[in-house]
Amino acid sequence: MEFTVVIRKDGEWYTAWAAEVDIVSQGKSIEEAMKNIKEAVELYMEDEDAKIKTEDIIIYPLRVKNAKASPSVC
């Protein structure tokens, strides 16, 4: 089973969010955040009451003109 994971840099940490199950974890590197979110999702899926959002999660890039904020790189 595949899940959508969004990772953001938050200070010295990387925060990972698994969209379909609304679970969040973190790590000091992207790799650690991914390892931790995988473990959290696997533990969640072991529960017989685990729920996966039935609607599709759509990730779509959005471009806006004249944006004043600089894009950041993780």
C-alpha atoms as a PDB file:
ATOM      1  CA  MET A   1       0.000   0.000   0.000  1.00  0.00           C
ATOM      2  CA  GLU A   2       1.312   3.460  -0.833  1.00  0.00           C
ATOM      3  CA  PHE A   3       0.717   6.708   1.030  1.00  0.00           C
ATOM      4  CA  THR A   4       1.359  10.350   0.210  1.00  0.00           C
ATOM      5  CA  VAL A   5       3.980  11.876   2.516  1.00  0.00           C
ATOM      6  CA  VAL A   6       4.654  15.606   2.719  1.00  0.00           C
ATOM      7  CA  ILE A   7       7.933  16.641   4.342  1.00  0.00           C
ATOM      8  CA  ARG A   8       8.719  20.143   5.610  1.00  0.00           C
ATOM      9  CA  LYS A   9      11.822  21.538   7.256  1.00  0.00           C
ATOM     10  CA  ASP A  10      10.867  23.004  10.621  1.00  0.00           C
ATOM     11  CA  GLY A  11      13.910  24.559  12.298  1.00  0.00           C
ATOM     12  CA  GLU A  12      16.426  21.765  12.773  1.00  0.00           C
ATOM     13  CA  TRP A  13      13.817  19.038  12.245  1.00  0.00           C
ATOM     14  CA  TYR A  14      11.986  17.574   9.252  1.00  0.00           C
ATOM     15  CA  THR A  15       8.273  16.979   9.778  1.00  0.00           C
ATOM     16  CA  ALA A  16       6.581  14.203   7.766  1.00  0.00           C
ATOM     17  CA  TRP A  17       2.800  14.010   7.274  1.00  0.00           C
ATOM     18  CA  ALA A  18       1.076  10.929   5.822  1.00  0.00           C
ATOM     19  CA  ALA A  19      -1.980  12.506   4.212  1.00  0.00           C
ATOM     20  CA  GLU A  20      -4.292   9.507   3.798  1.00  0.00           C
ATOM     21  CA  VAL A  21      -4.114   8.555   7.476  1.00  0.00           C
ATOM     22  CA  ASP A  22      -3.383  12.022   8.911  1.00  0.00           C
ATOM     23  CA  ILE A  23      -0.314  10.891  10.857  1.00  0.00           C
ATOM     24  CA  VAL A  24       2.683  13.109  11.610  1.00  0.00           C
ATOM     25  CA  SER A  25       6.224  12.209  12.638  1.00  0.00           C
ATOM     26  CA  GLN A  26       9.616  13.894  12.501  1.00  0.00           C
ATOM     27  CA  GLY A  27      13.342  13.335  12.244  1.00  0.00           C
ATOM     28  CA  LYS A  28      16.637  15.225  12.167  1.00  0.00           C
ATOM     29  CA  SER A  29      17.062  14.292   8.473  1.00  0.00           C
ATOM     30  CA  ILE A  30      14.692  13.512   5.609  1.00  0.00           C
ATOM     31  CA  GLU A  31      15.723   9.873   5.803  1.00  0.00           C
ATOM     32  CA  GLU A  32      15.014   9.710   9.539  1.00  0.00           C
ATOM     33  CA  ALA A  33      11.656  11.464   9.094  1.00  0.00           C
ATOM     34  CA  MET A  34      10.702   8.946   6.380  1.00  0.00           C
ATOM     35  CA  LYS A  35      11.796   6.005   8.552  1.00  0.00           C
ATOM     36  CA  ASN A  36       9.772   7.354  11.484  1.00  0.00           C
ATOM     37  CA  ILE A  37       6.620   8.100   9.455  1.00  0.00           C
ATOM     38  CA  LYS A  38       6.785   4.616   7.904  1.00  0.00           C
ATOM     39  CA  GLU A  39       6.989   3.058  11.361  1.00  0.00           C
ATOM     40  CA  ALA A  40       4.110   5.220  12.636  1.00  0.00           C
ATOM     41  CA  VAL A  41       1.882   4.325   9.664  1.00  0.00           C
ATOM     42  CA  GLU A  42       2.709   0.617   9.974  1.00  0.00           C
ATOM     43  CA  LEU A  43       1.799   0.678  13.676  1.00  0.00           C
ATOM     44  CA  TYR A  44      -1.419   2.552  12.904  1.00  0.00           C
ATOM     45  CA  MET A  45      -2.384   0.057  10.167  1.00  0.00           C
ATOM     46  CA  GLU A  46      -2.023  -2.843  12.647  1.00  0.00           C
ATOM     47  CA  ASP A  47      -5.057  -1.481  14.520  1.00  0.00           C
ATOM     48  CA  GLU A  48      -8.279  -3.089  13.301  1.00  0.00           C
ATOM     49  CA  ASP A  49     -10.011   0.311  13.634  1.00  0.00           C
ATOM     50  CA  ALA A  50      -7.482   2.025  11.323  1.00  0.00           C
ATOM     51  CA  LYS A  51      -9.110   4.212   8.716  1.00  0.00           C
ATOM     52  CA  ILE A  52      -7.780   5.434   5.393  1.00  0.00           C
ATOM     53  CA  LYS A  53      -9.437   8.456   3.834  1.00  0.00           C
ATOM     54  CA  THR A  54     -11.637   7.184   1.032  1.00  0.00           C
ATOM     55  CA  GLU A  55     -11.547  10.351  -1.043  1.00  0.00           C
ATOM     56  CA  ASP A  56      -8.598  10.847  -3.346  1.00  0.00           C
ATOM     57  CA  ILE A  57      -5.748  12.992  -2.117  1.00  0.00           C
ATOM     58  CA  ILE A  58      -4.692  15.274  -4.953  1.00  0.00           C
ATOM     59  CA  ILE A  59      -1.296  16.940  -4.837  1.00  0.00           C
ATOM     60  CA  TYR A  60      -1.187  19.697  -7.409  1.00  0.00           C
ATOM     61  CA  PRO A  61       1.447  22.405  -7.855  1.00  0.00           C
ATOM     62  CA  LEU A  62       0.197  25.991  -7.906  1.00  0.00           C
ATOM     63  CA  ARG A  63       2.097  28.879  -9.459  1.00  0.00           C
ATOM     64  CA  VAL A  64       1.287  32.483  -8.651  1.00  0.00           C
ATOM     65  CA  LYS A  65       2.619  35.619 -10.311  1.00  0.00           C
ATOM     66  CA  ASN A  66       4.635  38.233  -8.448  1.00  0.00           C
ATOM     67  CA  ALA A  67       5.173  36.162  -5.335  1.00  0.00           C
ATOM     68  CA  LYS A  68       7.279  38.196  -2.870  1.00  0.00           C
ATOM     69  CA  ALA A  69       8.378  35.253  -0.727  1.00  0.00           C
ATOM     70  CA  SER A  70      11.459  33.318  -1.812  1.00  0.00           C
ATOM     71  CA  PRO A  71      11.012  29.577  -2.316  1.00  0.00           C
ATOM     72  CA  SER A  72      12.917  27.479   0.210  1.00  0.00           C
ATOM     73  CA  VAL A  73      14.741  24.248  -0.416  1.00  0.00           C
ATOM     74  CA  CYS A  74      14.590  21.433   2.143  1.00  0.00           C
END
